[in-house]
PDB file of all heavy atoms in Angstrom:
ATOM      1  N   HIS A   1      -3.365   6.395  -5.640  1.00  0.00           N
ATOM      2  CA  HIS A   1      -2.396   7.243  -4.963  1.00  0.00           C
ATOM      3  C   HIS A   1      -2.121   6.715  -3.564  1.00  0.00           C
ATOM      4  O   HIS A   1      -2.939   6.011  -2.985  1.00  0.00           O
ATOM      5  CB  HIS A   1      -2.882   8.690  -4.914  1.00  0.00           C
ATOM      6  CG  HIS A   1      -4.222   8.856  -4.274  1.00  0.00           C
ATOM      7  ND1 HIS A   1      -4.364   9.042  -2.920  1.00  0.00           N
ATOM      8  CD2 HIS A   1      -5.473   8.844  -4.797  1.00  0.00           C
ATOM      9  CE1 HIS A   1      -5.651   9.148  -2.630  1.00  0.00           C
ATOM     10  NE2 HIS A   1      -6.337   9.024  -3.758  1.00  0.00           N
ATOM     11  N   PRO A   2      -0.968   7.056  -3.001  1.00  0.00           N
ATOM     12  CA  PRO A   2      -0.584   6.518  -1.686  1.00  0.00           C
ATOM     13  C   PRO A   2      -1.571   6.833  -0.577  1.00  0.00           C
ATOM     14  O   PRO A   2      -1.728   6.025   0.345  1.00  0.00           O
ATOM     15  CB  PRO A   2       0.772   7.193  -1.415  1.00  0.00           C
ATOM     16  CG  PRO A   2       1.308   7.492  -2.775  1.00  0.00           C
ATOM     17  CD  PRO A   2       0.108   7.866  -3.599  1.00  0.00           C
ATOM     18  N   GLY A   3      -2.231   7.977  -0.633  1.00  0.00           N
ATOM     19  CA  GLY A   3      -3.168   8.347   0.405  1.00  0.00           C
ATOM     20  C   GLY A   3      -4.382   7.454   0.491  1.00  0.00           C
ATOM     21  O   GLY A   3      -5.129   7.519   1.475  1.00  0.00           O
ATOM     22  N   SER A   4      -4.588   6.621  -0.500  1.00  0.00           N
ATOM     23  CA  SER A   4      -5.736   5.727  -0.522  1.00  0.00           C
ATOM     24  C   SER A   4      -5.485   4.420   0.204  1.00  0.00           C
ATOM     25  O   SER A   4      -6.393   3.592   0.295  1.00  0.00           O
ATOM     26  CB  SER A   4      -6.138   5.433  -1.972  1.00  0.00           C
ATOM     27  OG  SER A   4      -5.133   4.688  -2.632  1.00  0.00           O
ATOM     28  N   ALA A   5      -4.293   4.203   0.708  1.00  0.00           N
ATOM     29  CA  ALA A   5      -3.952   2.933   1.342  1.00  0.00           C
ATOM     30  C   ALA A   5      -4.759   2.718   2.615  1.00  0.00           C
ATOM     31  O   ALA A   5      -4.926   3.628   3.426  1.00  0.00           O
ATOM     32  CB  ALA A   5      -2.465   2.880   1.656  1.00  0.00           C
ATOM     33  N   VAL A   6      -5.256   1.511   2.776  1.00  0.00           N
ATOM     34  CA  VAL A   6      -5.991   1.105   3.965  1.00  0.00           C
ATOM     35  C   VAL A   6      -5.423  -0.225   4.429  1.00  0.00           C
ATOM     36  O   VAL A   6      -5.149  -1.105   3.622  1.00  0.00           O
ATOM     37  CB  VAL A   6      -7.499   0.967   3.687  1.00  0.00           C
ATOM     38  CG1 VAL A   6      -8.232   0.491   4.941  1.00  0.00           C
ATOM     39  CG2 VAL A   6      -8.075   2.292   3.211  1.00  0.00           C
ATOM     40  N   TYR A   7      -5.275  -0.371   5.747  1.00  0.00           N
ATOM     41  CA  TYR A   7      -4.640  -1.544   6.314  1.00  0.00           C
ATOM     42  C   TYR A   7      -5.526  -2.239   7.323  1.00  0.00           C
ATOM     43  O   TYR A   7      -6.309  -1.607   8.037  1.00  0.00           O
ATOM     44  CB  TYR A   7      -3.335  -1.166   7.022  1.00  0.00           C
ATOM     45  CG  TYR A   7      -2.313  -0.527   6.127  1.00  0.00           C
ATOM     46  CD1 TYR A   7      -2.281   0.849   5.943  1.00  0.00           C
ATOM     47  CD2 TYR A   7      -1.380  -1.305   5.457  1.00  0.00           C
ATOM     48  CE1 TYR A   7      -1.339   1.440   5.115  1.00  0.00           C
ATOM     49  CE2 TYR A   7      -0.437  -0.726   4.628  1.00  0.00           C
ATOM     50  CZ  TYR A   7      -0.419   0.642   4.458  1.00  0.00           C
ATOM     51  OH  TYR A   7       0.517   1.213   3.631  1.00  0.00           O
ATOM     52  N   ALA A   8      -5.385  -3.538   7.395  1.00  0.00           N
ATOM     53  CA  ALA A   8      -5.990  -4.269   8.488  1.00  0.00           C
ATOM     54  C   ALA A   8      -5.356  -3.832   9.801  1.00  0.00           C
ATOM     55  O   ALA A   8      -4.171  -3.504   9.855  1.00  0.00           O
ATOM     56  CB  ALA A   8      -5.793  -5.774   8.293  1.00  0.00           C
ATOM     57  N   ASP A   9      -6.148  -3.829  10.864  1.00  0.00           N
ATOM     58  CA  ASP A   9      -5.633  -3.397  12.158  1.00  0.00           C
ATOM     59  C   ASP A   9      -4.414  -4.208  12.591  1.00  0.00           C
ATOM     60  O   ASP A   9      -3.494  -3.677  13.221  1.00  0.00           O
ATOM     61  CB  ASP A   9      -6.719  -3.514  13.226  1.00  0.00           C
ATOM     62  CG  ASP A   9      -7.816  -2.484  13.062  1.00  0.00           C
ATOM     63  OD1 ASP A   9      -7.600  -1.478  12.355  1.00  0.00           O
ATOM     64  OD2 ASP A   9      -8.890  -2.680  13.652  1.00  0.00           O
ATOM     65  N   SER A  10      -4.395  -5.467  12.240  1.00  0.00           N
ATOM     66  CA  SER A  10      -3.334  -6.350  12.690  1.00  0.00           C
ATOM     67  C   SER A  10      -1.972  -6.039  12.079  1.00  0.00           C
ATOM     68  O   SER A  10      -0.948  -6.465  12.611  1.00  0.00           O
ATOM     69  CB  SER A  10      -3.697  -7.806  12.397  1.00  0.00           C
ATOM     70  OG  SER A  10      -3.896  -8.003  11.011  1.00  0.00           O
ATOM     71  N   VAL A  11      -1.956  -5.309  10.962  1.00  0.00           N
ATOM     72  CA  VAL A  11      -0.690  -5.006  10.298  1.00  0.00           C
ATOM     73  C   VAL A  11      -0.372  -3.525  10.275  1.00  0.00           C
ATOM     74  O   VAL A  11       0.721  -3.141   9.837  1.00  0.00           O
ATOM     75  CB  VAL A  11      -0.662  -5.558   8.857  1.00  0.00           C
ATOM     76  CG1 VAL A  11      -1.036  -7.031   8.839  1.00  0.00           C
ATOM     77  CG2 VAL A  11      -1.581  -4.750   7.947  1.00  0.00           C
ATOM     78  N   MET A  12      -1.273  -2.704  10.739  1.00  0.00           N
ATOM     79  CA  MET A  12      -1.076  -1.269  10.703  1.00  0.00           C
ATOM     80  C   MET A  12       0.184  -0.875  11.466  1.00  0.00           C
ATOM     81  O   MET A  12       0.420  -1.323  12.580  1.00  0.00           O
ATOM     82  CB  MET A  12      -2.293  -0.562  11.292  1.00  0.00           C
ATOM     83  CG  MET A  12      -2.374   0.918  10.968  1.00  0.00           C
ATOM     84  SD  MET A  12      -3.951   1.634  11.515  1.00  0.00           S
ATOM     85  CE  MET A  12      -5.114   0.650  10.560  1.00  0.00           C
ATOM     86  N   GLY A  13       0.987  -0.041  10.828  1.00  0.00           N
ATOM     87  CA  GLY A  13       2.234   0.398  11.424  1.00  0.00           C
ATOM     88  C   GLY A  13       3.402  -0.503  11.141  1.00  0.00           C
ATOM     89  O   GLY A  13       4.549  -0.110  11.373  1.00  0.00           O
ATOM     90  N   ARG A  14       3.132  -1.696  10.649  1.00  0.00           N
ATOM     91  CA  ARG A  14       4.195  -2.650  10.335  1.00  0.00           C
ATOM     92  C   ARG A  14       4.341  -2.892   8.840  1.00  0.00           C
ATOM     93  O   ARG A  14       5.445  -3.125   8.360  1.00  0.00           O
ATOM     94  CB  ARG A  14       3.939  -3.991  11.031  1.00  0.00           C
ATOM     95  CG  ARG A  14       3.877  -3.896  12.546  1.00  0.00           C
ATOM     96  CD  ARG A  14       3.792  -5.277  13.180  1.00  0.00           C
ATOM     97  NE  ARG A  14       2.578  -5.989  12.789  1.00  0.00           N
ATOM     98  CZ  ARG A  14       2.566  -7.159  12.151  1.00  0.00           C
ATOM     99  NH1 ARG A  14       3.707  -7.754  11.829  1.00  0.00           N
ATOM    100  NH2 ARG A  14       1.419  -7.744  11.845  1.00  0.00           N
ATOM    101  N   PHE A  15       3.235  -2.858   8.122  1.00  0.00           N
ATOM    102  CA  PHE A  15       3.239  -3.121   6.680  1.00  0.00           C
ATOM    103  C   PHE A  15       2.982  -1.829   5.918  1.00  0.00           C
ATOM    104  O   PHE A  15       2.264  -0.939   6.391  1.00  0.00           O
ATOM    105  CB  PHE A  15       2.149  -4.122   6.299  1.00  0.00           C
ATOM    106  CG  PHE A  15       2.360  -5.527   6.790  1.00  0.00           C
ATOM    107  CD1 PHE A  15       3.358  -5.845   7.698  1.00  0.00           C
ATOM    108  CD2 PHE A  15       1.532  -6.543   6.331  1.00  0.00           C
ATOM    109  CE1 PHE A  15       3.536  -7.137   8.154  1.00  0.00           C
ATOM    110  CE2 PHE A  15       1.700  -7.845   6.775  1.00  0.00           C
ATOM    111  CZ  PHE A  15       2.700  -8.146   7.683  1.00  0.00           C
ATOM    112  N   THR A  16       3.532  -1.744   4.725  1.00  0.00           N
ATOM    113  CA  THR A  16       3.296  -0.616   3.842  1.00  0.00           C
ATOM    114  C   THR A  16       2.984  -1.125   2.442  1.00  0.00           C
ATOM    115  O   THR A  16       3.761  -1.901   1.883  1.00  0.00           O
ATOM    116  CB  THR A  16       4.508   0.321   3.782  1.00  0.00           C
ATOM    117  OG1 THR A  16       4.824   0.793   5.095  1.00  0.00           O
ATOM    118  CG2 THR A  16       4.207   1.520   2.880  1.00  0.00           C
ATOM    119  N   ILE A  17       1.858  -0.680   1.893  1.00  0.00           N
ATOM    120  CA  ILE A  17       1.485  -1.045   0.536  1.00  0.00           C
ATOM    121  C   ILE A  17       1.785   0.134  -0.383  1.00  0.00           C
ATOM    122  O   ILE A  17       1.592   1.293  -0.017  1.00  0.00           O
ATOM    123  CB  ILE A  17      -0.001  -1.453   0.447  1.00  0.00           C
ATOM    124  CG1 ILE A  17      -0.334  -2.015  -0.940  1.00  0.00           C
ATOM    125  CG2 ILE A  17      -0.917  -0.286   0.798  1.00  0.00           C
ATOM    126  CD1 ILE A  17      -1.732  -2.625  -1.025  1.00  0.00           C
ATOM    127  N   SER A  18       2.262  -0.157  -1.574  1.00  0.00           N
ATOM    128  CA  SER A  18       2.541   0.884  -2.551  1.00  0.00           C
ATOM    129  C   SER A  18       2.336   0.327  -3.949  1.00  0.00           C
ATOM    130  O   SER A  18       2.339  -0.886  -4.155  1.00  0.00           O
ATOM    131  CB  SER A  18       3.962   1.429  -2.384  1.00  0.00           C
ATOM    132  OG  SER A  18       4.927   0.408  -2.555  1.00  0.00           O
ATOM    133  N   ARG A  19       2.142   1.233  -4.911  1.00  0.00           N
ATOM    134  CA  ARG A  19       1.960   0.806  -6.295  1.00  0.00           C
ATOM    135  C   ARG A  19       2.629   1.789  -7.241  1.00  0.00           C
ATOM    136  O   ARG A  19       2.750   2.979  -6.948  1.00  0.00           O
ATOM    137  CB  ARG A  19       0.473   0.662  -6.644  1.00  0.00           C
ATOM    138  CG  ARG A  19      -0.301   1.972  -6.668  1.00  0.00           C
ATOM    139  CD  ARG A  19      -1.796   1.743  -6.848  1.00  0.00           C
ATOM    140  NE  ARG A  19      -2.135   1.291  -8.190  1.00  0.00           N
ATOM    141  CZ  ARG A  19      -3.370   0.948  -8.579  1.00  0.00           C
ATOM    142  NH1 ARG A  19      -4.370   0.984  -7.698  1.00  0.00           N
ATOM    143  NH2 ARG A  19      -3.586   0.550  -9.829  1.00  0.00           N
ATOM    144  N   ASP A  20       3.039   1.273  -8.362  1.00  0.00           N
ATOM    145  CA  ASP A  20       3.576   2.072  -9.446  1.00  0.00           C
ATOM    146  C   ASP A  20       2.632   1.871 -10.619  1.00  0.00           C
ATOM    147  O   ASP A  20       2.654   0.821 -11.267  1.00  0.00           O
ATOM    148  CB  ASP A  20       4.993   1.631  -9.798  1.00  0.00           C
ATOM    149  CG  ASP A  20       5.645   2.515 -10.839  1.00  0.00           C
ATOM    150  OD1 ASP A  20       4.939   3.046 -11.713  1.00  0.00           O
ATOM    151  OD2 ASP A  20       6.880   2.669 -10.786  1.00  0.00           O
ATOM    152  N   ASN A  21       1.799   2.870 -10.888  1.00  0.00           N
ATOM    153  CA  ASN A  21       0.780   2.728 -11.921  1.00  0.00           C
ATOM    154  C   ASN A  21       1.375   2.608 -13.319  1.00  0.00           C
ATOM    155  O   ASN A  21       0.818   1.923 -14.178  1.00  0.00           O
ATOM    156  CB  ASN A  21      -0.190   3.905 -11.866  1.00  0.00           C
ATOM    157  CG  ASN A  21      -1.015   3.926 -10.600  1.00  0.00           C
ATOM    158  OD1 ASN A  21      -1.441   2.877 -10.108  1.00  0.00           O
ATOM    159  ND2 ASN A  21      -1.246   5.111 -10.064  1.00  0.00           N
ATOM    160  N   ALA A  22       2.489   3.286 -13.557  1.00  0.00           N
ATOM    161  CA  ALA A  22       3.121   3.218 -14.865  1.00  0.00           C
ATOM    162  C   ALA A  22       3.681   1.838 -15.143  1.00  0.00           C
ATOM    163  O   ALA A  22       3.632   1.352 -16.276  1.00  0.00           O
ATOM    164  CB  ALA A  22       4.220   4.272 -14.971  1.00  0.00           C
ATOM    165  N   LYS A  23       4.211   1.206 -14.121  1.00  0.00           N
ATOM    166  CA  LYS A  23       4.809  -0.113 -14.280  1.00  0.00           C
ATOM    167  C   LYS A  23       3.865  -1.248 -13.920  1.00  0.00           C
ATOM    168  O   LYS A  23       4.221  -2.421 -14.076  1.00  0.00           O
ATOM    169  CB  LYS A  23       6.073  -0.220 -13.434  1.00  0.00           C
ATOM    170  CG  LYS A  23       7.172   0.739 -13.850  1.00  0.00           C
ATOM    171  CD  LYS A  23       8.408   0.566 -12.981  1.00  0.00           C
ATOM    172  CE  LYS A  23       9.524   1.488 -13.421  1.00  0.00           C
ATOM    173  NZ  LYS A  23      10.740   1.337 -12.578  1.00  0.00           N
ATOM    174  N   ASN A  24       2.691  -0.899 -13.417  1.00  0.00           N
ATOM    175  CA  ASN A  24       1.703  -1.902 -13.010  1.00  0.00           C
ATOM    176  C   ASN A  24       2.288  -2.901 -12.008  1.00  0.00           C
ATOM    177  O   ASN A  24       2.173  -4.118 -12.174  1.00  0.00           O
ATOM    178  CB  ASN A  24       1.140  -2.633 -14.228  1.00  0.00           C
ATOM    179  CG  ASN A  24       0.258  -1.756 -15.080  1.00  0.00           C
ATOM    180  OD1 ASN A  24      -0.451  -0.885 -14.573  1.00  0.00           O
ATOM    181  ND2 ASN A  24       0.288  -1.976 -16.385  1.00  0.00           N
ATOM    182  N   THR A  25       2.908  -2.353 -10.993  1.00  0.00           N
ATOM    183  CA  THR A  25       3.461  -3.182  -9.940  1.00  0.00           C
ATOM    184  C   THR A  25       2.877  -2.789  -8.590  1.00  0.00           C
ATOM    185  O   THR A  25       2.515  -1.633  -8.360  1.00  0.00           O
ATOM    186  CB  THR A  25       4.990  -3.090  -9.878  1.00  0.00           C
ATOM    187  OG1 THR A  25       5.379  -1.721  -9.680  1.00  0.00           O
ATOM    188  CG2 THR A  25       5.613  -3.595 -11.167  1.00  0.00           C
ATOM    189  N   LEU A  26       2.799  -3.751  -7.725  1.00  0.00           N
ATOM    190  CA  LEU A  26       2.283  -3.570  -6.376  1.00  0.00           C
ATOM    191  C   LEU A  26       3.288  -4.180  -5.408  1.00  0.00           C
ATOM    192  O   LEU A  26       3.830  -5.252  -5.666  1.00  0.00           O
ATOM    193  CB  LEU A  26       0.935  -4.265  -6.232  1.00  0.00           C
ATOM    194  CG  LEU A  26       0.256  -4.199  -4.860  1.00  0.00           C
ATOM    195  CD1 LEU A  26      -0.265  -2.795  -4.591  1.00  0.00           C
ATOM    196  CD2 LEU A  26      -0.877  -5.219  -4.781  1.00  0.00           C
ATOM    197  N   VAL A  27       3.523  -3.495  -4.300  1.00  0.00           N
ATOM    198  CA  VAL A  27       4.508  -3.944  -3.325  1.00  0.00           C
ATOM    199  C   VAL A  27       3.898  -3.949  -1.933  1.00  0.00           C
ATOM    200  O   VAL A  27       3.074  -3.093  -1.591  1.00  0.00           O
ATOM    201  CB  VAL A  27       5.755  -3.037  -3.350  1.00  0.00           C
ATOM    202  CG1 VAL A  27       6.681  -3.332  -2.174  1.00  0.00           C
ATOM    203  CG2 VAL A  27       6.501  -3.211  -4.658  1.00  0.00           C
TER     204      VAL A  27
END
């Protein structure tokens, strides 16, 4: 789920990770 996302300090606020479990895709 989206709430589980964790970021390196160097990219926090600039990068966003997301996934679609049904489609097995990661962005």
